[in-house]
């Protein structure tokens, strides 16, 4: 059997087999999407917000510096484009499949955890006053809790401050990309190429700037951004290590699945070589035995005329 070499696994040759092997993983991803949609629709916890608390919640209501639609563009689509570039260069479907699968798990698990915490905590955003009282006239009930008269959807969104979704999504996608790139360009090969560090730090810098913009826009408190960034970074690391060796590992440039197939191929090739060798030895032994029997037969037949000749001479 021919040993599997890098670049021999394409979408055409191995794509269907890889997809079938990980069918249950893709089904779980679909389930995570459904859970995320439900969490987005669910009403968050409306905690008590008194008049004295409004002092820290009077920041102006601004639009997002980073729009919501832009987050999946740079956190999901951009890494996928880079994965495709690597695939067209190396032709390894295992690398492409596991990179996309790991990225989607990183982002979706982060999203589910983020929105679950958002709905459970119900922390008001720094601009909650203007969400609750768009005309600037605050109203409270007998217990001192707010009686909002703004847009219901705007108020609902105002109770989803902790943790920052923009930040957690950004770190989940871009941290995974940084880990992926660090393995591909062998950042930790001990050769001292600092330029490689700049490449893997750039996605993390973008994620940090997104988090800072959330504070600048008064959509989040700094604690929200810190928690969201930490959450996304940790989950991205776990999801990456599920499919790839650590970037500092000698085999950190490829997924576990590739090396597993390579090892199986080598084992099969070695077993095939051993079997062929045994068959060859068996054939040689059979040939030697056949030649031995043939030699005895010829020797026996050649002795018969001599015996007959001796008998004739004796008679004479």
Protein backbone atom coordinates (compact mmCIF):
# COMPACT_ATOMS: atom_id res chain seq x y z
CA UNK A 1 0.00 0.00 0.00
CA UNK A 2 1.32 3.45 -0.90
CA UNK A 3 2.09 5.65 2.11
CA UNK A 4 -0.21 8.64 2.52
CA UNK A 5 1.59 11.86 1.73
CA UNK A 6 0.69 15.46 2.57
CA UNK A 7 -1.60 16.87 -0.08
CA UNK A 8 -3.22 13.56 -1.04
CA UNK A 9 -6.48 14.30 0.81
CA UNK A 10 -8.80 16.49 -1.26
CA UNK A 11 -12.49 17.31 -1.05
CA UNK A 12 -13.12 15.05 -4.04
CA UNK A 13 -11.22 12.05 -2.73
CA UNK A 14 -11.87 12.20 1.02
CA UNK A 15 -14.54 14.88 1.58
CA UNK A 16 -17.54 12.57 1.86
CA UNK A 17 -15.73 10.17 4.18
CA UNK A 18 -14.62 12.95 6.51
CA UNK A 19 -18.11 14.48 6.61
CA UNK A 20 -19.69 11.11 7.44
CA UNK A 21 -17.18 10.48 10.20
CA UNK A 22 -18.07 13.78 11.88
CA UNK A 23 -21.79 13.79 11.08
CA UNK A 24 -22.71 13.84 14.77
CA UNK A 25 -20.49 16.90 15.30
CA UNK A 26 -22.35 18.81 12.60
CA UNK A 27 -25.70 17.79 14.08
CA UNK A 28 -24.59 19.18 17.44
CA UNK A 29 -23.67 22.44 15.69
CA UNK A 30 -27.20 22.66 14.30
CA UNK A 31 -28.52 22.11 17.83
CA UNK A 32 -26.31 24.93 19.11
CA UNK A 33 -27.73 27.25 16.45
CA UNK A 34 -31.27 26.41 17.56
CA UNK A 35 -30.36 27.04 21.21
CA UNK A 36 -28.77 30.36 20.28
CA UNK A 37 -31.92 31.49 18.45
CA UNK A 38 -34.04 30.55 21.48
CA UNK A 39 -31.73 32.45 23.83
CA UNK A 40 -31.97 35.53 21.63
CA UNK A 41 -35.77 35.45 21.79
CA UNK A 42 -35.96 34.71 25.52
CA UNK A 43 -36.70 37.69 27.75
CA UNK A 44 -33.72 38.66 29.94
CA UNK A 45 -33.97 39.11 33.69
CA UNK A 46 -35.19 42.61 34.58
CA UNK A 47 -33.35 43.39 37.76
CA UNK A 48 -34.21 46.17 40.20
CA UNK A 49 -32.87 49.53 39.03
CA UNK A 50 -33.35 52.38 41.49
CA UNK A 51 -32.99 56.11 41.00
CA UNK A 52 -29.64 56.23 42.76
CA UNK A 53 -28.29 53.62 40.31
CA UNK A 54 -29.18 55.80 37.34
CA UNK A 55 -26.21 58.02 38.09
CA UNK A 56 -23.92 55.46 36.45
CA UNK A 57 -26.37 54.64 33.66
CA UNK A 58 -26.82 58.09 32.09
CA UNK A 59 -24.23 57.78 29.34
CA UNK A 60 -25.44 58.87 25.89
CA UNK A 61 -27.18 56.40 23.62
CA UNK A 62 -24.90 55.95 20.62
CA UNK A 63 -24.81 53.71 17.57
CA UNK A 64 -22.33 50.85 17.32
CA UNK A 65 -18.87 51.61 15.97
CA UNK A 66 -18.70 47.95 14.96
CA UNK A 67 -22.12 46.96 13.57
CA UNK A 68 -23.67 43.66 14.62
CA UNK A 69 -23.59 42.33 11.04
CA UNK A 70 -19.83 42.93 10.85
CA UNK A 71 -19.01 40.57 13.74
CA UNK A 72 -19.63 37.27 11.88
CA UNK A 73 -17.85 38.73 8.85
CA UNK A 74 -14.47 39.09 10.56
CA UNK A 75 -14.94 36.43 13.27
CA UNK A 76 -16.19 33.61 11.02
CA UNK A 77 -15.97 34.35 7.29
CA UNK A 78 -12.48 35.89 7.36
CA UNK A 79 -10.91 32.88 9.13
CA UNK A 80 -12.71 30.54 6.73
CA UNK A 81 -11.23 32.38 3.76
CA UNK A 82 -7.76 31.89 5.25
CA UNK A 83 -8.52 28.20 5.84
CA UNK A 84 -9.46 27.87 2.16
CA UNK A 85 -6.24 29.57 1.06
CA UNK A 86 -4.25 27.06 3.11
CA UNK A 87 -6.30 24.21 1.65
CA UNK A 88 -5.69 25.22 -1.97
CA UNK A 89 -1.99 25.35 -1.19
CA UNK A 90 -1.66 22.06 0.73
CA UNK A 91 -4.68 20.08 -0.48
CA UNK A 92 -5.50 18.58 2.92
CA UNK A 93 -9.22 18.13 3.53
CA UNK A 94 -8.59 17.05 7.12
CA UNK A 95 -7.02 20.42 7.89
CA UNK A 96 -9.81 22.37 6.17
CA UNK A 97 -12.64 20.36 7.71
CA UNK A 98 -11.31 20.42 11.26
CA UNK A 99 -10.40 24.11 11.06
CA UNK A 100 -13.93 25.07 9.98
CA UNK A 101 -15.55 22.69 12.46
CA UNK A 102 -13.37 23.92 15.33
CA UNK A 103 -14.03 27.56 14.45
CA UNK A 104 -17.80 27.09 14.35
CA UNK A 105 -17.74 25.24 17.65
CA UNK A 106 -15.65 28.00 19.18
CA UNK A 107 -18.02 30.75 18.08
CA UNK A 108 -21.30 28.92 18.73
CA UNK A 109 -20.36 27.57 22.16
CA UNK A 110 -19.19 31.06 23.09
CA UNK A 111 -22.42 32.57 21.79
CA UNK A 112 -24.61 30.14 23.75
CA UNK A 113 -22.70 30.70 26.99
CA UNK A 114 -22.60 34.47 26.46
CA UNK A 115 -26.33 34.84 25.82
CA UNK A 116 -27.20 32.45 28.64
CA UNK A 117 -25.28 34.63 31.08
CA UNK A 118 -26.71 37.80 29.55
CA UNK A 119 -30.29 36.64 30.09
CA UNK A 120 -29.60 35.32 33.58
CA UNK A 121 -27.72 38.37 34.87
CA UNK A 122 -29.74 41.13 33.22
CA UNK A 123 -27.16 43.83 33.92
CA UNK A 124 -28.21 47.24 32.53
CA UNK A 125 -26.03 48.92 29.95
CA UNK A 126 -24.28 52.24 30.68
CA UNK A 127 -26.84 54.03 28.46
CA UNK A 128 -29.86 52.40 30.11
CA UNK A 129 -31.36 55.70 31.30
CA UNK A 130 -31.97 56.91 27.74
CA UNK A 131 -33.26 53.52 26.69
CA UNK A 132 -35.75 53.55 29.53
CA UNK A 133 -36.62 57.26 29.39
CA UNK A 134 -35.98 58.52 25.84
CA UNK A 135 -37.63 61.87 26.69
CA UNK A 136 -35.39 62.33 29.72
CA UNK A 137 -38.30 62.14 32.23
CA UNK A 138 -37.63 59.35 34.71
CA UNK A 139 -40.51 57.60 36.47
CA UNK A 140 -40.33 55.15 39.41
CA UNK A 141 -42.81 53.01 41.28
CA UNK A 142 -43.45 52.92 45.03
CA UNK A 143 -40.48 50.62 45.61
CA UNK A 144 -38.18 52.93 43.69
CA UNK A 145 -37.85 50.69 40.64
CA UNK A 146 -37.88 52.19 37.17
CA UNK A 147 -41.06 52.38 35.09
CA UNK A 148 -39.73 52.53 31.55
CA UNK A 149 -41.75 54.06 28.73
CA UNK A 150 -39.30 53.60 25.86
CA UNK A 151 -39.27 51.12 23.00
CA UNK A 152 -39.66 47.56 24.33
CA UNK A 153 -36.93 46.09 22.13
CA UNK A 154 -34.51 48.86 23.04
CA UNK A 155 -35.25 48.33 26.74
CA UNK A 156 -34.85 44.58 26.37
CA UNK A 157 -31.46 45.07 24.74
CA UNK A 158 -30.55 47.42 27.56
CA UNK A 159 -30.63 44.51 30.04
CA UNK A 160 -27.94 42.53 28.18
CA UNK A 161 -24.73 44.21 29.22
CA UNK A 162 -22.81 41.35 30.87
CA UNK A 163 -20.81 39.87 29.21
CA UNK A 164 -20.04 41.64 25.94
CA UNK A 165 -21.24 39.61 22.97
CA UNK A 166 -19.19 41.58 20.44
CA UNK A 167 -16.05 40.91 22.46
CA UNK A 168 -16.68 37.24 23.17
CA UNK A 169 -17.49 36.52 19.52
CA UNK A 170 -14.43 38.45 18.37
CA UNK A 171 -12.07 36.60 20.68
CA UNK A 172 -13.69 33.24 19.93
CA UNK A 173 -13.14 33.59 16.18
CA UNK A 174 -9.92 35.60 16.02
CA UNK A 175 -8.18 33.71 18.84
CA UNK A 176 -8.88 30.48 16.99
CA UNK A 177 -7.41 32.07 13.87
CA UNK A 178 -4.29 33.14 15.79
CA UNK A 179 -3.76 29.61 17.10
CA UNK A 180 -4.29 28.19 13.63
CA UNK A 181 -1.78 30.57 12.05
CA UNK A 182 0.77 30.02 14.81
CA UNK A 183 0.74 26.31 14.03
CA UNK A 184 0.94 26.78 10.27
CA UNK A 185 3.88 29.23 10.29
CA UNK A 186 5.60 27.38 13.18
CA UNK A 187 5.92 30.37 15.48
CA UNK A 188 7.50 28.32 18.27
CA UNK A 189 10.22 26.65 16.19
CA UNK A 190 12.91 28.35 18.34
CA UNK A 191 14.42 30.20 15.41
CA UNK A 192 13.64 33.62 16.83
CA UNK A 193 11.58 35.08 13.96
CA UNK A 194 9.73 37.87 15.78
CA UNK A 195 7.84 38.79 12.61
CA UNK A 196 5.81 35.61 13.06
CA UNK A 197 4.56 36.89 16.41
CA UNK A 198 3.27 40.03 14.71
CA UNK A 199 1.17 37.88 12.41
CA UNK A 200 -0.52 35.94 15.20
CA UNK A 201 -0.92 38.98 17.48
CA UNK A 202 -2.74 41.01 14.82
CA UNK A 203 -6.07 39.10 15.07
CA UNK A 204 -5.90 39.43 18.87
CA UNK A 205 -5.30 43.16 18.52
CA UNK A 206 -8.40 43.47 16.34
CA UNK A 207 -10.45 41.62 18.96
CA UNK A 208 -9.12 43.94 21.68
CA UNK A 209 -10.01 47.04 19.66
CA UNK A 210 -13.54 45.72 19.16
CA UNK A 211 -13.85 45.31 22.92
CA UNK A 212 -12.56 48.83 23.53
CA UNK A 213 -15.09 50.21 21.06
CA UNK A 214 -17.89 48.69 23.15
CA UNK A 215 -16.79 50.75 26.13
CA UNK A 216 -16.30 53.86 23.98
CA UNK A 217 -19.83 53.49 22.60
CA UNK A 218 -21.21 53.16 26.16
CA UNK A 219 -22.81 49.85 25.32
CA UNK A 220 -20.79 47.97 27.94
CA UNK A 221 -18.96 48.41 31.20
CA UNK A 222 -15.29 47.47 31.22
CA UNK A 223 -16.06 44.36 33.28
CA UNK A 224 -18.39 43.16 30.52
CA UNK A 225 -15.65 43.47 27.93
CA UNK A 226 -13.04 41.78 30.11
CA UNK A 227 -15.32 38.83 30.86
CA UNK A 228 -16.37 38.48 27.21
CA UNK A 229 -12.78 38.52 25.98
CA UNK A 230 -11.66 35.95 28.54
CA UNK A 231 -14.63 33.71 27.73
CA UNK A 232 -13.97 33.77 23.99
CA UNK A 233 -10.23 33.21 24.41
CA UNK A 234 -10.62 30.20 26.71
CA UNK A 235 -13.27 28.49 24.56
CA UNK A 236 -11.28 29.11 21.37
CA UNK A 237 -8.23 27.47 22.95
CA UNK A 238 -10.19 24.41 24.06
CA UNK A 239 -11.87 24.02 20.66
CA UNK A 240 -8.58 24.38 18.80
CA UNK A 241 -6.81 21.78 20.94
CA UNK A 242 -9.69 19.39 20.31
CA UNK A 243 -8.65 19.10 16.66
CA UNK A 244 -5.03 20.31 16.48
CA UNK A 245 -1.87 19.75 18.53
CA UNK A 246 -0.54 22.76 20.48
CA UNK A 247 1.26 25.25 18.20
CA UNK A 248 4.56 24.58 19.97
CA UNK A 249 4.34 20.84 19.24
CA UNK A 250 6.57 19.48 16.45
CA UNK A 251 3.40 18.34 14.66
CA UNK A 252 1.51 21.54 15.44
CA UNK A 253 1.17 22.40 11.75
CA UNK A 254 -1.49 19.74 11.07
CA UNK A 255 -4.63 18.23 12.63
CA UNK A 256 -4.65 15.07 14.71
CA UNK A 257 -6.71 13.31 12.03
CA UNK A 258 -4.01 13.71 9.38
CA UNK A 259 -1.32 12.11 11.51
CA UNK A 260 -3.71 9.33 12.50
CA UNK A 261 -4.39 8.49 8.85
CA UNK A 262 -0.67 8.72 8.10
CA UNK A 263 0.13 6.30 10.92
CA UNK A 264 -2.56 3.88 9.78
CA UNK A 265 -1.21 4.07 6.23
CA UNK A 266 2.31 3.31 7.41
CA UNK A 267 1.04 0.39 9.50
CA UNK A 268 -0.90 -1.02 6.55
CA UNK A 269 2.09 -0.59 4.25
CA UNK A 270 4.36 -2.34 6.75
CA UNK A 271 1.87 -5.19 7.20
CA UNK A 272 1.56 -5.56 3.43
CA UNK A 273 5.34 -5.66 3.08
CA UNK A 274 5.59 -8.31 5.81
CA UNK A 275 2.93 -10.48 4.17
CA UNK A 276 4.62 -10.21 0.78
CA UNK A 277 7.94 -11.15 2.37
CA UNK A 278 6.41 -14.20 4.06
CA UNK A 279 4.75 -15.27 0.82
CA UNK A 280 8.05 -14.90 -1.01
CA UNK A 281 9.88 -17.00 1.59
CA UNK A 282 7.17 -19.67 1.38
CA UNK A 283 7.48 -19.81 -2.40
CA UNK A 284 11.26 -20.14 -2.14
CA UNK A 285 10.93 -22.98 0.36
CA UNK A 286 8.45 -24.76 -1.88
CA UNK A 287 10.81 -24.35 -4.82
CA UNK A 288 13.73 -25.74 -2.83
CA UNK A 289 11.69 -28.75 -1.69
CA UNK A 290 10.53 -29.38 -5.25
CA UNK A 291 14.09 -29.20 -6.54
CA UNK A 292 15.23 -31.57 -3.77
CA UNK A 293 12.61 -34.15 -4.63
CA UNK A 294 13.42 -33.83 -8.31
CA UNK A 295 17.12 -34.41 -7.57
CA UNK A 296 16.39 -37.58 -5.60
CA UNK A 297 14.12 -38.84 -8.34
CA UNK A 298 16.73 -38.26 -11.04
CA UNK A 299 19.45 -39.85 -8.93
CA UNK A 300 17.29 -42.92 -8.35
CA UNK A 301 16.41 -43.29 -12.02
CA UNK A 302 20.03 -42.89 -13.12
CA UNK A 303 21.14 -45.75 -10.82
CA UNK A 304 18.73 -48.27 -12.40
CA UNK A 305 20.64 -48.72 -15.71
CA UNK A 306 23.86 -49.32 -13.81
CA UNK A 307 22.22 -52.05 -11.73
CA UNK A 308 20.80 -53.69 -14.83
CA UNK A 309 24.21 -53.63 -16.49
CA UNK A 310 25.84 -55.29 -13.48
CA UNK A 311 23.23 -58.03 -13.51
CA UNK A 312 23.84 -58.73 -17.21
CA UNK A 313 27.58 -58.96 -16.71
CA UNK A 314 27.06 -61.38 -13.81
CA UNK A 315 25.01 -63.66 -15.99
CA UNK A 316 27.72 -63.80 -18.55
